C-alpha cells in the first residue's frame, strides 16, 4: 500500500536534493533511490557489527596488533576511518 509523507527541506537539503535530481531525473525517483540506498548501507553496517560481535564471542576480543594492521590497510586504500 502506498503512503504519502510531507518533508520540509532546509537550504542544505534542497541543494542535496537538486544534486540527486541531476543524477536521477526526478525528485520522486531521487528520494526513493536515496532512501533505499541508505537502508541497504545501514543493513550492511549492522551485519558487519554483528559478524564482529559473533567472531569476538567465539575467538575473544580483537587485539591491538590486528587493529593497527587493519588501520594500515585502510590507510593504504584511502579509506577514512
C-alpha atoms as a PDB file:
ATOM      1  CA  UNK A   1       0.000   0.000   0.000  1.00  0.00           C
ATOM      2  CA  UNK A   2       1.310   3.419  -0.914  1.00  0.00           C
ATOM      3  CA  UNK A   3       1.517   6.253   1.580  1.00  0.00           C
ATOM      4  CA  UNK A   4       2.263   9.947   1.344  1.00  0.00           C
ATOM      5  CA  UNK A   5       4.655  11.890   3.559  1.00  0.00           C
ATOM      6  CA  UNK A   6       5.430  15.602   3.641  1.00  0.00           C
ATOM      7  CA  UNK A   7       9.023  16.638   4.333  1.00  0.00           C
ATOM      8  CA  UNK A   8      10.244  20.200   4.851  1.00  0.00           C
ATOM      9  CA  UNK A   9      13.766  20.809   3.498  1.00  0.00           C
ATOM     10  CA  UNK A  10      16.185  23.499   4.594  1.00  0.00           C
ATOM     11  CA  UNK A  11      18.631  25.036   2.090  1.00  0.00           C
ATOM     12  CA  UNK A  12      21.215  22.287   2.592  1.00  0.00           C
ATOM     13  CA  UNK A  13      18.652  19.562   1.958  1.00  0.00           C
ATOM     14  CA  UNK A  14      17.293  21.402  -1.109  1.00  0.00           C
ATOM     15  CA  UNK A  15      20.818  21.578  -2.539  1.00  0.00           C
ATOM     16  CA  UNK A  16      21.378  17.888  -1.849  1.00  0.00           C
ATOM     17  CA  UNK A  17      18.077  17.008  -3.499  1.00  0.00           C
ATOM     18  CA  UNK A  18      18.924  19.145  -6.536  1.00  0.00           C
ATOM     19  CA  UNK A  19      22.205  17.236  -6.865  1.00  0.00           C
ATOM     20  CA  UNK A  20      20.385  13.912  -6.700  1.00  0.00           C
ATOM     21  CA  UNK A  21      17.733  15.047  -9.192  1.00  0.00           C
ATOM     22  CA  UNK A  22      20.524  15.884 -11.630  1.00  0.00           C
ATOM     23  CA  UNK A  23      21.566  12.220 -11.432  1.00  0.00           C
ATOM     24  CA  UNK A  24      18.168  10.534 -11.136  1.00  0.00           C
ATOM     25  CA  UNK A  25      15.910  12.790 -13.213  1.00  0.00           C
ATOM     26  CA  UNK A  26      13.028  13.498 -10.833  1.00  0.00           C
ATOM     27  CA  UNK A  27      12.605  14.418  -7.171  1.00  0.00           C
ATOM     28  CA  UNK A  28      10.438  11.389  -6.554  1.00  0.00           C
ATOM     29  CA  UNK A  29      12.947   8.959  -8.059  1.00  0.00           C
ATOM     30  CA  UNK A  30      15.893  10.671  -6.336  1.00  0.00           C
ATOM     31  CA  UNK A  31      14.237  10.422  -2.914  1.00  0.00           C
ATOM     32  CA  UNK A  32      13.186   6.794  -3.407  1.00  0.00           C
ATOM     33  CA  UNK A  33      16.634   5.679  -4.592  1.00  0.00           C
ATOM     34  CA  UNK A  34      18.390   7.565  -1.817  1.00  0.00           C
ATOM     35  CA  UNK A  35      16.139   6.135   0.857  1.00  0.00           C
ATOM     36  CA  UNK A  36      16.622   2.579  -0.375  1.00  0.00           C
ATOM     37  CA  UNK A  37      20.398   3.070  -0.686  1.00  0.00           C
ATOM     38  CA  UNK A  38      20.614   4.345   2.894  1.00  0.00           C
ATOM     39  CA  UNK A  39      18.631   1.399   4.249  1.00  0.00           C
ATOM     40  CA  UNK A  40      20.959  -1.020   2.411  1.00  0.00           C
ATOM     41  CA  UNK A  41      24.034   0.823   3.742  1.00  0.00           C
ATOM     42  CA  UNK A  42      22.756   0.645   7.317  1.00  0.00           C
ATOM     43  CA  UNK A  43      21.898  -3.047   6.977  1.00  0.00           C
ATOM     44  CA  UNK A  44      25.426  -3.787   5.720  1.00  0.00           C
ATOM     45  CA  UNK A  45      26.947  -1.796   8.576  1.00  0.00           C
ATOM     46  CA  UNK A  46      24.837  -3.655  11.132  1.00  0.00           C
ATOM     47  CA  UNK A  47      25.685  -7.019   9.542  1.00  0.00           C
ATOM     48  CA  UNK A  48      29.398  -6.223   9.851  1.00  0.00           C
ATOM     49  CA  UNK A  49      28.983  -5.243  13.508  1.00  0.00           C
ATOM     50  CA  UNK A  50      27.021  -8.439  14.156  1.00  0.00           C
ATOM     51  CA  UNK A  51      29.712 -10.512  12.445  1.00  0.00           C
ATOM     52  CA  UNK A  52      32.455  -8.899  14.551  1.00  0.00           C
ATOM     53  CA  UNK A  53      30.475  -9.476  17.764  1.00  0.00           C
ATOM     54  CA  UNK A  54      29.931 -13.104  16.836  1.00  0.00           C
ATOM     55  CA  UNK A  55      33.591 -13.591  15.978  1.00  0.00           C
ATOM     56  CA  UNK A  56      34.705 -11.973  19.244  1.00  0.00           C
ATOM     57  CA  UNK A  57      32.263 -14.168  21.200  1.00  0.00           C
ATOM     58  CA  UNK A  58      33.924 -17.252  19.687  1.00  0.00           C
ATOM     59  CA  UNK A  59      37.555 -16.098  19.500  1.00  0.00           C
ATOM     60  CA  UNK A  60      37.885 -13.312  22.062  1.00  0.00           C
ATOM     61  CA  UNK A  61      38.405  -9.586  21.562  1.00  0.00           C
ATOM     62  CA  UNK A  62      40.322  -8.299  18.558  1.00  0.00           C
ATOM     63  CA  UNK A  63      43.777  -7.344  19.799  1.00  0.00           C
ATOM     64  CA  UNK A  64      45.544  -4.001  19.261  1.00  0.00           C
ATOM     65  CA  UNK A  65      48.062  -5.523  16.844  1.00  0.00           C
ATOM     66  CA  UNK A  66      45.292  -6.633  14.495  1.00  0.00           C
ATOM     67  CA  UNK A  67      43.515  -3.272  14.785  1.00  0.00           C
ATOM     68  CA  UNK A  68      46.744  -1.458  13.866  1.00  0.00           C
ATOM     69  CA  UNK A  69      47.164  -3.772  10.854  1.00  0.00           C
ATOM     70  CA  UNK A  70      43.588  -3.023   9.754  1.00  0.00           C
ATOM     71  CA  UNK A  71      44.208   0.743  10.114  1.00  0.00           C
ATOM     72  CA  UNK A  72      47.311   0.425   7.915  1.00  0.00           C
ATOM     73  CA  UNK A  73      45.353  -1.437   5.229  1.00  0.00           C
ATOM     74  CA  UNK A  74      42.565   1.152   5.305  1.00  0.00           C
ATOM     75  CA  UNK A  75      45.105   3.993   5.093  1.00  0.00           C
ATOM     76  CA  UNK A  76      46.726   2.395   2.034  1.00  0.00           C
ATOM     77  CA  UNK A  77      43.331   2.140   0.382  1.00  0.00           C
ATOM     78  CA  UNK A  78      42.487   5.771   1.191  1.00  0.00           C
ATOM     79  CA  UNK A  79      39.524   4.864   3.413  1.00  0.00           C
ATOM     80  CA  UNK A  80      38.527   7.414   6.045  1.00  0.00           C
ATOM     81  CA  UNK A  81      38.184   5.808   9.454  1.00  0.00           C
END
